[in-house]
């Protein structure tokens, strides 16, 4: 399925994402991915799954697979082997990177991402994407690729805002969640049916453990 310029999110939605990072540090943007694009990405993910390209996700620097903690399978995306929909997605996230840098001066250099598929019952326990500033990951972007998701199916992203407050975000197709990677712990709750997302991180450059 070919997508086009008219199918990209409006400047208003990009600005909503940037404003969320500038303010509370997190935000939820419905219809960030237009239906033509997220449906095409969902189709691409299913083709890659059928071709055996997904692998069990690992945790930590040792690359251990511990399904009790993290039960998804993933497929990393690279521009060199992207199909048409995936290339459109890379164009979209580059626009957002530029907008974030213009407004927030974060010095984001690149973006890495993967498909993440959770089978029914799988979860990802509470964690932080950038613990103790040990990685280059600075901004997390999660885009959902699921049609007709209902609250009773579970599978929410639970984002911990502070010691006493959290929000739960259902993985409805087209919806995006953006947040500062080092500030917000989060977890994926078990779902009653398979759950698909594109998860990525904008990165800074580190030297000697410090941002440069």
Foldseek 3Di string as FASTA:
>chain_A
DADDPVQAADPVQLVVQLVCCVPLQKDKGFLNGPLVLLQVVVVVVVVCVVVVQWAQAADDPVRHRDQVAFPKTKHKDDPVPDDNSVVVVLVNVVVSVVVNCVVPVPQFDHKIKIKIKHFAPTKHDKDFQQEPLQFFFFKKKKAWRDAPDDVVQAFWKWKASDPPDIDTHDRHHSMMMMGTRHHIIIMTGGGRGMTIMMMMTGGADDDPSHGD
